Amino acid sequence: LLAWLLPHGATEIPAILIGGQAGFVLARAMIGRGDRQPLAARLRA
């Protein structure tokens, strides 16, 4: 299992996590909690 998954999983799994990270950055801008800027401005930021 380790020899099968580790060679590609060492970059594949972090990459998918970074995709999720970007999604949460976008989600925070969508929610805008504590930020009074308009949605468009938050998304540009």
All heavy atoms as atom14 arrays in JSON, in Angstrom:
{
  "sequence": "LLAWLLPHGATEIPAILIGGQAGFVLARAMIGRGDRQPLAARLRA",
  "atom14_mask": [
    [1, 1, 1, 1, 1, 1, 1, 1, 0, 0, 0, 0, 0, 0],
    [1, 1, 1, 1, 1, 1, 1, 1, 0, 0, 0, 0, 0, 0],
    [1, 1, 1, 1, 1, 0, 0, 0, 0, 0, 0, 0, 0, 0],
    [1, 1, 1, 1, 1, 1, 1, 1, 1, 1, 1, 1, 1, 1],
    [1, 1, 1, 1, 1, 1, 1, 1, 0, 0, 0, 0, 0, 0],
    [1, 1, 1, 1, 1, 1, 1, 1, 0, 0, 0, 0, 0, 0],
    [1, 1, 1, 1, 1, 1, 1, 0, 0, 0, 0, 0, 0, 0],
    [1, 1, 1, 1, 1, 1, 1, 1, 1, 1, 0, 0, 0, 0],
    [1, 1, 1, 1, 0, 0, 0, 0, 0, 0, 0, 0, 0, 0],
    [1, 1, 1, 1, 1, 0, 0, 0, 0, 0, 0, 0, 0, 0],
    [1, 1, 1, 1, 1, 1, 1, 0, 0, 0, 0, 0, 0, 0],
    [1, 1, 1, 1, 1, 1, 1, 1, 1, 0, 0, 0, 0, 0],
    [1, 1, 1, 1, 1, 1, 1, 1, 0, 0, 0, 0, 0, 0],
    [1, 1, 1, 1, 1, 1, 1, 0, 0, 0, 0, 0, 0, 0],
    [1, 1, 1, 1, 1, 0, 0, 0, 0, 0, 0, 0, 0, 0],
    [1, 1, 1, 1, 1, 1, 1, 1, 0, 0, 0, 0, 0, 0],
    [1, 1, 1, 1, 1, 1, 1, 1, 0, 0, 0, 0, 0, 0],
    [1, 1, 1, 1, 1, 1, 1, 1, 0, 0, 0, 0, 0, 0],
    [1, 1, 1, 1, 0, 0, 0, 0, 0, 0, 0, 0, 0, 0],
    [1, 1, 1, 1, 0, 0, 0, 0, 0, 0, 0, 0, 0, 0],
    [1, 1, 1, 1, 1, 1, 1, 1, 1, 0, 0, 0, 0, 0],
    [1, 1, 1, 1, 1, 0, 0, 0, 0, 0, 0, 0, 0, 0],
    [1, 1, 1, 1, 0, 0, 0, 0, 0, 0, 0, 0, 0, 0],
    [1, 1, 1, 1, 1, 1, 1, 1, 1, 1, 1, 0, 0, 0],
    [1, 1, 1, 1, 1, 1, 1, 0, 0, 0, 0, 0, 0, 0],
    [1, 1, 1, 1, 1, 1, 1, 1, 0, 0, 0, 0, 0, 0],
    [1, 1, 1, 1, 1, 0, 0, 0, 0, 0, 0, 0, 0, 0],
    [1, 1, 1, 1, 1, 1, 1, 1, 1, 1, 1, 0, 0, 0],
    [1, 1, 1, 1, 1, 0, 0, 0, 0, 0, 0, 0, 0, 0],
    [1, 1, 1, 1, 1, 1, 1, 1, 0, 0, 0, 0, 0, 0],
    [1, 1, 1, 1, 1, 1, 1, 1, 0, 0, 0, 0, 0, 0],
    [1, 1, 1, 1, 0, 0, 0, 0, 0, 0, 0, 0, 0, 0],
    [1, 1, 1, 1, 1, 1, 1, 1, 1, 1, 1, 0, 0, 0],
    [1, 1, 1, 1, 0, 0, 0, 0, 0, 0, 0, 0, 0, 0],
    [1, 1, 1, 1, 1, 1, 1, 1, 0, 0, 0, 0, 0, 0],
    [1, 1, 1, 1, 1, 1, 1, 1, 1, 1, 1, 0, 0, 0],
    [1, 1, 1, 1, 1, 1, 1, 1, 1, 0, 0, 0, 0, 0],
    [1, 1, 1, 1, 1, 1, 1, 0, 0, 0, 0, 0, 0, 0],
    [1, 1, 1, 1, 1, 1, 1, 1, 0, 0, 0, 0, 0, 0],
    [1, 1, 1, 1, 1, 0, 0, 0, 0, 0, 0, 0, 0, 0],
    [1, 1, 1, 1, 1, 0, 0, 0, 0, 0, 0, 0, 0, 0],
    [1, 1, 1, 1, 1, 1, 1, 1, 1, 1, 1, 0, 0, 0],
    [1, 1, 1, 1, 1, 1, 1, 1, 0, 0, 0, 0, 0, 0],
    [1, 1, 1, 1, 1, 1, 1, 1, 1, 1, 1, 0, 0, 0],
    [1, 1, 1, 1, 1, 0, 0, 0, 0, 0, 0, 0, 0, 0]
  ],
  "atom14_positions": [
    [[0.83, -1.21, 0.0], [0.0, 0.0, 0.0], [0.86, 1.25, 0.0], [0.63, 2.18, -0.78], [-0.93, -0.01, 1.22], [-1.78, 1.24, 1.43], [-2.87, 1.31, 0.36], [-2.41, 1.24, 2.82], [0.0, 0.0, 0.0], [0.0, 0.0, 0.0], [0.0, 0.0, 0.0], [0.0, 0.0, 0.0], [0.0, 0.0, 0.0], [0.0, 0.0, 0.0]],
    [[1.86, 1.28, 0.88], [2.72, 2.46, 0.99], [3.51, 2.67, -0.3], [3.64, 3.8, -0.78], [3.67, 2.29, 2.17], [4.38, 3.54, 2.69], [3.37, 4.59, 3.13], [5.3, 3.18, 3.84], [0.0, 0.0, 0.0], [0.0, 0.0, 0.0], [0.0, 0.0, 0.0], [0.0, 0.0, 0.0], [0.0, 0.0, 0.0], [0.0, 0.0, 0.0]],
    [[4.05, 1.58, -0.86], [4.83, 1.7, -2.09], [3.96, 2.06, -3.29], [4.43, 2.69, -4.24], [5.56, 0.39, -2.36], [0.0, 0.0, 0.0], [0.0, 0.0, 0.0], [0.0, 0.0, 0.0], [0.0, 0.0, 0.0], [0.0, 0.0, 0.0], [0.0, 0.0, 0.0], [0.0, 0.0, 0.0], [0.0, 0.0, 0.0], [0.0, 0.0, 0.0]],
    [[2.71, 1.68, -3.24], [1.78, 1.99, -4.34], [1.3, 3.44, -4.25], [1.28, 4.15, -5.26], [0.6, 1.01, -4.27], [-0.55, 1.34, -5.17], [-0.49, 1.79, -6.46], [-1.95, 1.27, -4.84], [-1.76, 1.99, -6.96], [-2.67, 1.67, -5.98], [-2.64, 0.88, -3.7], [-4.06, 1.7, -6.0], [-4.03, 0.91, -3.72], [-4.72, 1.31, -4.86]],
    [[0.95, 3.9, -3.06], [0.35, 5.23, -2.92], [1.35, 6.37, -2.75], [1.12, 7.47, -3.24], [-0.62, 5.24, -1.72], [-1.93, 4.47, -1.85], [-2.75, 4.62, -0.58], [-2.72, 4.98, -3.06], [0.0, 0.0, 0.0], [0.0, 0.0, 0.0], [0.0, 0.0, 0.0], [0.0, 0.0, 0.0], [0.0, 0.0, 0.0], [0.0, 0.0, 0.0]],
    [[2.45, 6.12, -2.04], [3.34, 7.22, -1.67], [3.98, 7.95, -2.85], [4.05, 9.19, -2.83], [4.41, 6.72, -0.71], [5.25, 7.8, 0.0], [4.34, 8.77, 0.76], [6.24, 7.16, 0.95], [0.0, 0.0, 0.0], [0.0, 0.0, 0.0], [0.0, 0.0, 0.0], [0.0, 0.0, 0.0], [0.0, 0.0, 0.0], [0.0, 0.0, 0.0]],
    [[4.45, 7.26, -3.9], [5.12, 7.99, -4.98], [4.26, 9.09, -5.6], [4.73, 10.2, -5.84], [5.45, 6.89, -6.0], [5.61, 5.67, -5.16], [4.56, 5.8, -4.09], [0.0, 0.0, 0.0], [0.0, 0.0, 0.0], [0.0, 0.0, 0.0], [0.0, 0.0, 0.0], [0.0, 0.0, 0.0], [0.0, 0.0, 0.0], [0.0, 0.0, 0.0]],
    [[2.99, 8.79, -5.89], [2.13, 9.83, -6.46], [1.3, 10.55, -5.4], [0.98, 11.73, -5.54], [1.19, 9.24, -7.52], [0.23, 8.22, -7.01], [0.55, 6.9, -6.85], [-1.07, 8.33, -6.61], [-0.48, 6.24, -6.4], [-1.49, 7.08, -6.23], [0.0, 0.0, 0.0], [0.0, 0.0, 0.0], [0.0, 0.0, 0.0], [0.0, 0.0, 0.0]],
    [[0.97, 9.84, -4.31], [0.16, 10.44, -3.26], [0.86, 11.57, -2.53], [0.22, 12.47, -1.97], [0.0, 0.0, 0.0], [0.0, 0.0, 0.0], [0.0, 0.0, 0.0], [0.0, 0.0, 0.0], [0.0, 0.0, 0.0], [0.0, 0.0, 0.0], [0.0, 0.0, 0.0], [0.0, 0.0, 0.0], [0.0, 0.0, 0.0], [0.0, 0.0, 0.0]],
    [[2.21, 11.56, -2.52], [2.97, 12.59, -1.83], [2.71, 13.97, -2.41], [2.88, 14.99, -1.72], [4.47, 12.28, -1.9], [0.0, 0.0, 0.0], [0.0, 0.0, 0.0], [0.0, 0.0, 0.0], [0.0, 0.0, 0.0], [0.0, 0.0, 0.0], [0.0, 0.0, 0.0], [0.0, 0.0, 0.0], [0.0, 0.0, 0.0], [0.0, 0.0, 0.0]],
    [[2.3, 14.04, -3.67], [1.94, 15.33, -4.27], [0.44, 15.39, -4.6], [-0.15, 16.47, -4.56], [2.75, 15.58, -5.56], [2.68, 14.43, -6.41], [4.19, 15.88, -5.23], [0.0, 0.0, 0.0], [0.0, 0.0, 0.0], [0.0, 0.0, 0.0], [0.0, 0.0, 0.0], [0.0, 0.0, 0.0], [0.0, 0.0, 0.0], [0.0, 0.0, 0.0]],
    [[-0.16, 14.25, -4.9], [-1.58, 14.24, -5.28], [-2.48, 14.65, -4.12], [-3.37, 15.5, -4.27], [-1.96, 12.86, -5.77], [-3.42, 12.72, -6.17], [-3.74, 11.29, -6.58], [-3.37, 10.9, -7.7], [-4.35, 10.58, -5.76], [0.0, 0.0, 0.0], [0.0, 0.0, 0.0], [0.0, 0.0, 0.0], [0.0, 0.0, 0.0], [0.0, 0.0, 0.0]],
    [[-2.27, 14.05, -2.95], [-3.13, 14.37, -1.81], [-2.96, 15.81, -1.35], [-3.95, 16.52, -1.14], [-2.89, 13.36, -0.66], [-3.33, 11.96, -1.11], [-3.66, 13.78, 0.6], [-3.02, 10.87, -0.12], [0.0, 0.0, 0.0], [0.0, 0.0, 0.0], [0.0, 0.0, 0.0], [0.0, 0.0, 0.0], [0.0, 0.0, 0.0], [0.0, 0.0, 0.0]],
    [[-1.71, 16.32, -1.2], [-1.56, 17.74, -0.86], [-2.19, 18.66, -1.9], [-2.75, 19.7, -1.55], [-0.03, 17.93, -0.8], [0.49, 16.6, -0.42], [-0.4, 15.62, -1.13], [0.0, 0.0, 0.0], [0.0, 0.0, 0.0], [0.0, 0.0, 0.0], [0.0, 0.0, 0.0], [0.0, 0.0, 0.0], [0.0, 0.0, 0.0], [0.0, 0.0, 0.0]],
    [[-2.13, 18.27, -3.18], [-2.72, 19.11, -4.22], [-4.24, 19.21, -4.05], [-4.82, 20.3, -4.19], [-2.39, 18.54, -5.6], [0.0, 0.0, 0.0], [0.0, 0.0, 0.0], [0.0, 0.0, 0.0], [0.0, 0.0, 0.0], [0.0, 0.0, 0.0], [0.0, 0.0, 0.0], [0.0, 0.0, 0.0], [0.0, 0.0, 0.0], [0.0, 0.0, 0.0]],
    [[-4.89, 18.1, -3.76], [-6.33, 18.12, -3.53], [-6.66, 18.95, -2.29], [-7.64, 19.7, -2.25], [-6.87, 16.68, -3.42], [-6.76, 15.98, -4.78], [-8.33, 16.68, -2.93], [-7.11, 14.51, -4.75], [0.0, 0.0, 0.0], [0.0, 0.0, 0.0], [0.0, 0.0, 0.0], [0.0, 0.0, 0.0], [0.0, 0.0, 0.0], [0.0, 0.0, 0.0]],
    [[-5.81, 18.83, -1.26], [-6.0, 19.64, -0.05], [-5.84, 21.12, -0.36], [-6.57, 21.97, 0.2], [-5.01, 19.22, 1.03], [-5.25, 17.85, 1.66], [-4.08, 17.48, 2.56], [-6.56, 17.84, 2.44], [0.0, 0.0, 0.0], [0.0, 0.0, 0.0], [0.0, 0.0, 0.0], [0.0, 0.0, 0.0], [0.0, 0.0, 0.0], [0.0, 0.0, 0.0]],
    [[-4.91, 21.47, -1.24], [-4.73, 22.88, -1.62], [-5.94, 23.36, -2.41], [-6.34, 24.52, -2.29], [-3.42, 23.04, -2.41], [-2.22, 22.8, -1.49], [-3.32, 24.44, -3.03], [-0.88, 22.72, -2.2], [0.0, 0.0, 0.0], [0.0, 0.0, 0.0], [0.0, 0.0, 0.0], [0.0, 0.0, 0.0], [0.0, 0.0, 0.0], [0.0, 0.0, 0.0]],
    [[-6.54, 22.47, -3.19], [-7.8, 22.83, -3.85], [-8.87, 23.15, -2.83], [-9.62, 24.12, -2.97], [0.0, 0.0, 0.0], [0.0, 0.0, 0.0], [0.0, 0.0, 0.0], [0.0, 0.0, 0.0], [0.0, 0.0, 0.0], [0.0, 0.0, 0.0], [0.0, 0.0, 0.0], [0.0, 0.0, 0.0], [0.0, 0.0, 0.0], [0.0, 0.0, 0.0]],
    [[-8.94, 22.33, -1.76], [-9.89, 22.61, -0.68], [-9.53, 23.89, 0.05], [-10.42, 24.67, 0.44], [0.0, 0.0, 0.0], [0.0, 0.0, 0.0], [0.0, 0.0, 0.0], [0.0, 0.0, 0.0], [0.0, 0.0, 0.0], [0.0, 0.0, 0.0], [0.0, 0.0, 0.0], [0.0, 0.0, 0.0], [0.0, 0.0, 0.0], [0.0, 0.0, 0.0]],
    [[-8.24, 24.13, 0.24], [-7.79, 25.36, 0.87], [-8.27, 26.58, 0.08], [-8.81, 27.54, 0.65], [-6.25, 25.36, 0.93], [-5.62, 26.63, 1.48], [-4.11, 26.63, 1.32], [-3.57, 25.97, 0.43], [-3.42, 27.36, 2.17], [0.0, 0.0, 0.0], [0.0, 0.0, 0.0], [0.0, 0.0, 0.0], [0.0, 0.0, 0.0], [0.0, 0.0, 0.0]],
    [[-8.1, 26.53, -1.25], [-8.57, 27.63, -2.09], [-10.08, 27.79, -1.98], [-10.62, 28.91, -1.99], [-8.16, 27.37, -3.54], [0.0, 0.0, 0.0], [0.0, 0.0, 0.0], [0.0, 0.0, 0.0], [0.0, 0.0, 0.0], [0.0, 0.0, 0.0], [0.0, 0.0, 0.0], [0.0, 0.0, 0.0], [0.0, 0.0, 0.0], [0.0, 0.0, 0.0]],
    [[-10.79, 26.65, -1.88], [-12.25, 26.71, -1.72], [-12.65, 27.41, -0.44], [-13.61, 28.2, -0.42], [0.0, 0.0, 0.0], [0.0, 0.0, 0.0], [0.0, 0.0, 0.0], [0.0, 0.0, 0.0], [0.0, 0.0, 0.0], [0.0, 0.0, 0.0], [0.0, 0.0, 0.0], [0.0, 0.0, 0.0], [0.0, 0.0, 0.0], [0.0, 0.0, 0.0]],
    [[-11.92, 27.16, 0.64], [-12.25, 27.81, 1.92], [-11.87, 29.29, 1.91], [-12.54, 30.1, 2.56], [-11.55, 27.08, 3.07], [-12.14, 25.74, 3.37], [-11.34, 24.61, 3.53], [-13.51, 25.58, 3.48], [-11.89, 23.38, 3.81], [-14.08, 24.34, 3.74], [-13.26, 23.23, 3.9], [0.0, 0.0, 0.0], [0.0, 0.0, 0.0], [0.0, 0.0, 0.0]],
    [[-10.82, 29.65, 1.18], [-10.48, 31.07, 1.02], [-11.63, 31.78, 0.29], [-12.05, 32.88, 0.67], [-9.16, 31.23, 0.23], [-8.92, 32.7, -0.12], [-7.99, 30.69, 1.04], [0.0, 0.0, 0.0], [0.0, 0.0, 0.0], [0.0, 0.0, 0.0], [0.0, 0.0, 0.0], [0.0, 0.0, 0.0], [0.0, 0.0, 0.0], [0.0, 0.0, 0.0]],
    [[-12.14, 31.13, -0.75], [-13.26, 31.68, -1.49], [-14.51, 31.74, -0.62], [-15.26, 32.73, -0.64], [-13.52, 30.81, -2.73], [-14.61, 31.26, -3.71], [-14.31, 32.63, -4.26], [-14.71, 30.25, -4.85], [0.0, 0.0, 0.0], [0.0, 0.0, 0.0], [0.0, 0.0, 0.0], [0.0, 0.0, 0.0], [0.0, 0.0, 0.0], [0.0, 0.0, 0.0]],
    [[-14.73, 30.7, 0.18], [-15.91, 30.66, 1.06], [-15.88, 31.79, 2.08], [-16.91, 32.42, 2.36], [-15.97, 29.31, 1.77], [0.0, 0.0, 0.0], [0.0, 0.0, 0.0], [0.0, 0.0, 0.0], [0.0, 0.0, 0.0], [0.0, 0.0, 0.0], [0.0, 0.0, 0.0], [0.0, 0.0, 0.0], [0.0, 0.0, 0.0], [0.0, 0.0, 0.0]],
    [[-14.7, 32.06, 2.62], [-14.59, 33.14, 3.6], [-14.94, 34.48, 2.97], [-15.6, 35.32, 3.59], [-13.18, 33.19, 4.17], [-12.98, 34.25, 5.24], [-11.61, 34.18, 5.86], [-11.46, 35.17, 6.92], [-10.36, 35.33, 7.63], [-9.31, 34.55, 7.39], [-10.29, 36.25, 8.56], [0.0, 0.0, 0.0], [0.0, 0.0, 0.0], [0.0, 0.0, 0.0]],
    [[-14.51, 34.66, 1.72], [-14.86, 35.9, 1.03], [-16.35, 35.97, 0.76], [-16.97, 37.05, 0.84], [-14.08, 35.99, -0.29], [0.0, 0.0, 0.0], [0.0, 0.0, 0.0], [0.0, 0.0, 0.0], [0.0, 0.0, 0.0], [0.0, 0.0, 0.0], [0.0, 0.0, 0.0], [0.0, 0.0, 0.0], [0.0, 0.0, 0.0], [0.0, 0.0, 0.0]],
    [[-16.97, 34.83, 0.46], [-18.41, 34.79, 0.22], [-19.19, 35.15, 1.48], [-20.15, 35.92, 1.44], [-18.82, 33.4, -0.25], [-18.33, 33.02, -1.63], [-19.19, 33.92, -2.95], [-20.87, 33.33, -2.72], [0.0, 0.0, 0.0], [0.0, 0.0, 0.0], [0.0, 0.0, 0.0], [0.0, 0.0, 0.0], [0.0, 0.0, 0.0], [0.0, 0.0, 0.0]],
    [[-18.76, 34.6, 2.61], [-19.46, 34.85, 3.87], [-19.22, 36.27, 4.35], [-20.15, 36.96, 4.8], [-19.0, 33.83, 4.93], [-19.4, 32.41, 4.49], [-19.61, 34.16, 6.3], [-18.79, 31.31, 5.33], [0.0, 0.0, 0.0], [0.0, 0.0, 0.0], [0.0, 0.0, 0.0], [0.0, 0.0, 0.0], [0.0, 0.0, 0.0], [0.0, 0.0, 0.0]],
    [[-17.98, 36.72, 4.3], [-17.65, 38.09, 4.64], [-17.85, 38.47, 6.09], [-18.1, 39.62, 6.41], [0.0, 0.0, 0.0], [0.0, 0.0, 0.0], [0.0, 0.0, 0.0], [0.0, 0.0, 0.0], [0.0, 0.0, 0.0], [0.0, 0.0, 0.0], [0.0, 0.0, 0.0], [0.0, 0.0, 0.0], [0.0, 0.0, 0.0], [0.0, 0.0, 0.0]],
    [[-17.74, 37.5, 6.98], [-17.94, 37.79, 8.4], [-16.89, 38.78, 8.9], [-15.69, 38.56, 8.77], [-17.85, 36.49, 9.2], [-18.14, 36.68, 10.68], [-18.14, 35.34, 11.39], [-18.43, 35.49, 12.81], [-18.45, 34.48, 13.67], [-18.21, 33.24, 13.25], [-18.73, 34.69, 14.95], [0.0, 0.0, 0.0], [0.0, 0.0, 0.0], [0.0, 0.0, 0.0]],
    [[-17.33, 39.88, 9.48], [-16.43, 40.9, 10.01], [-15.85, 41.81, 8.95], [-15.01, 42.66, 9.26], [0.0, 0.0, 0.0], [0.0, 0.0, 0.0], [0.0, 0.0, 0.0], [0.0, 0.0, 0.0], [0.0, 0.0, 0.0], [0.0, 0.0, 0.0], [0.0, 0.0, 0.0], [0.0, 0.0, 0.0], [0.0, 0.0, 0.0], [0.0, 0.0, 0.0]],
    [[-16.25, 41.63, 7.71], [-15.75, 42.47, 6.61], [-16.93, 43.18, 5.96], [-17.82, 42.54, 5.4], [-15.03, 41.59, 5.58], [-14.28, 42.4, 4.54], [-14.58, 43.6, 4.38], [-13.38, 41.83, 3.88], [0.0, 0.0, 0.0], [0.0, 0.0, 0.0], [0.0, 0.0, 0.0], [0.0, 0.0, 0.0], [0.0, 0.0, 0.0], [0.0, 0.0, 0.0]],
    [[-16.94, 44.5, 6.04], [-18.08, 45.28, 5.55], [-17.96, 45.63, 4.07], [-18.84, 46.32, 3.53], [-18.21, 46.56, 6.37], [-18.54, 46.31, 7.85], [-18.76, 47.61, 8.59], [-19.1, 47.36, 10.0], [-19.37, 48.33, 10.87], [-19.32, 49.61, 10.5], [-19.69, 48.02, 12.12], [0.0, 0.0, 0.0], [0.0, 0.0, 0.0], [0.0, 0.0, 0.0]],
    [[-16.92, 45.17, 3.43], [-16.79, 45.46, 2.0], [-17.87, 44.72, 1.21], [-18.34, 43.66, 1.63], [-15.42, 45.0, 1.49], [-14.24, 45.75, 2.05], [-12.96, 45.29, 1.37], [-12.55, 45.82, 0.35], [-12.34, 44.26, 1.95], [0.0, 0.0, 0.0], [0.0, 0.0, 0.0], [0.0, 0.0, 0.0], [0.0, 0.0, 0.0], [0.0, 0.0, 0.0]],
    [[-18.25, 45.25, 0.05], [-19.2, 44.54, -0.81], [-18.61, 43.2, -1.26], [-17.38, 43.01, -1.28], [-19.37, 45.48, -2.02], [-18.95, 46.82, -1.52], [-17.88, 46.57, -0.5], [0.0, 0.0, 0.0], [0.0, 0.0, 0.0], [0.0, 0.0, 0.0], [0.0, 0.0, 0.0], [0.0, 0.0, 0.0], [0.0, 0.0, 0.0], [0.0, 0.0, 0.0]],
    [[-19.49, 42.27, -1.63], [-19.05, 40.94, -2.05], [-18.02, 41.0, -3.18], [-17.0, 40.3, -3.14], [-20.25, 40.1, -2.48], [-19.93, 38.71, -3.07], [-19.19, 37.85, -2.06], [-21.22, 38.03, -3.52], [0.0, 0.0, 0.0], [0.0, 0.0, 0.0], [0.0, 0.0, 0.0], [0.0, 0.0, 0.0], [0.0, 0.0, 0.0], [0.0, 0.0, 0.0]],
    [[-18.28, 41.85, -4.17], [-17.37, 41.94, -5.31], [-15.97, 42.35, -4.86], [-14.97, 41.83, -5.35], [-17.91, 42.93, -6.34], [0.0, 0.0, 0.0], [0.0, 0.0, 0.0], [0.0, 0.0, 0.0], [0.0, 0.0, 0.0], [0.0, 0.0, 0.0], [0.0, 0.0, 0.0], [0.0, 0.0, 0.0], [0.0, 0.0, 0.0], [0.0, 0.0, 0.0]],
    [[-15.9, 43.26, -3.92], [-14.6, 43.72, -3.43], [-13.9, 42.61, -2.65], [-12.67, 42.44, -2.76], [-14.79, 44.95, -2.55], [0.0, 0.0, 0.0], [0.0, 0.0, 0.0], [0.0, 0.0, 0.0], [0.0, 0.0, 0.0], [0.0, 0.0, 0.0], [0.0, 0.0, 0.0], [0.0, 0.0, 0.0], [0.0, 0.0, 0.0], [0.0, 0.0, 0.0]],
    [[-14.65, 41.84, -1.89], [-14.04, 40.74, -1.13], [-13.5, 39.67, -2.07], [-12.42, 39.11, -1.83], [-15.07, 40.12, -0.17], [-15.58, 41.08, 0.91], [-16.23, 40.32, 2.05], [-17.34, 39.49, 1.64], [-18.61, 39.88, 1.61], [-18.93, 41.13, 1.97], [-19.57, 39.05, 1.26], [0.0, 0.0, 0.0], [0.0, 0.0, 0.0], [0.0, 0.0, 0.0]],
    [[-14.23, 39.4, -3.13], [-13.78, 38.4, -4.1], [-12.53, 38.87, -4.85], [-11.61, 38.08, -5.1], [-14.89, 38.06, -5.09], [-16.09, 37.31, -4.51], [-17.19, 37.16, -5.55], [-15.68, 35.94, -3.99], [0.0, 0.0, 0.0], [0.0, 0.0, 0.0], [0.0, 0.0, 0.0], [0.0, 0.0, 0.0], [0.0, 0.0, 0.0], [0.0, 0.0, 0.0]],
    [[-12.5, 40.16, -5.18], [-11.31, 40.69, -5.84], [-10.09, 40.6, -4.92], [-8.97, 40.33, -5.37], [-11.54, 42.14, -6.26], [-12.37, 42.32, -7.52], [-12.24, 43.72, -8.08], [-12.7, 44.74, -7.11], [-13.94, 45.18, -7.03], [-14.87, 44.7, -7.85], [-14.27, 46.09, -6.14], [0.0, 0.0, 0.0], [0.0, 0.0, 0.0], [0.0, 0.0, 0.0]],
    [[-10.32, 40.82, -3.63], [-9.21, 40.81, -2.67], [-8.54, 39.44, -2.58], [-7.33, 39.36, -2.34], [-9.7, 41.25, -1.3], [0.0, 0.0, 0.0], [0.0, 0.0, 0.0], [0.0, 0.0, 0.0], [0.0, 0.0, 0.0], [0.0, 0.0, 0.0], [0.0, 0.0, 0.0], [0.0, 0.0, 0.0], [0.0, 0.0, 0.0], [0.0, 0.0, 0.0]]
  ]
}
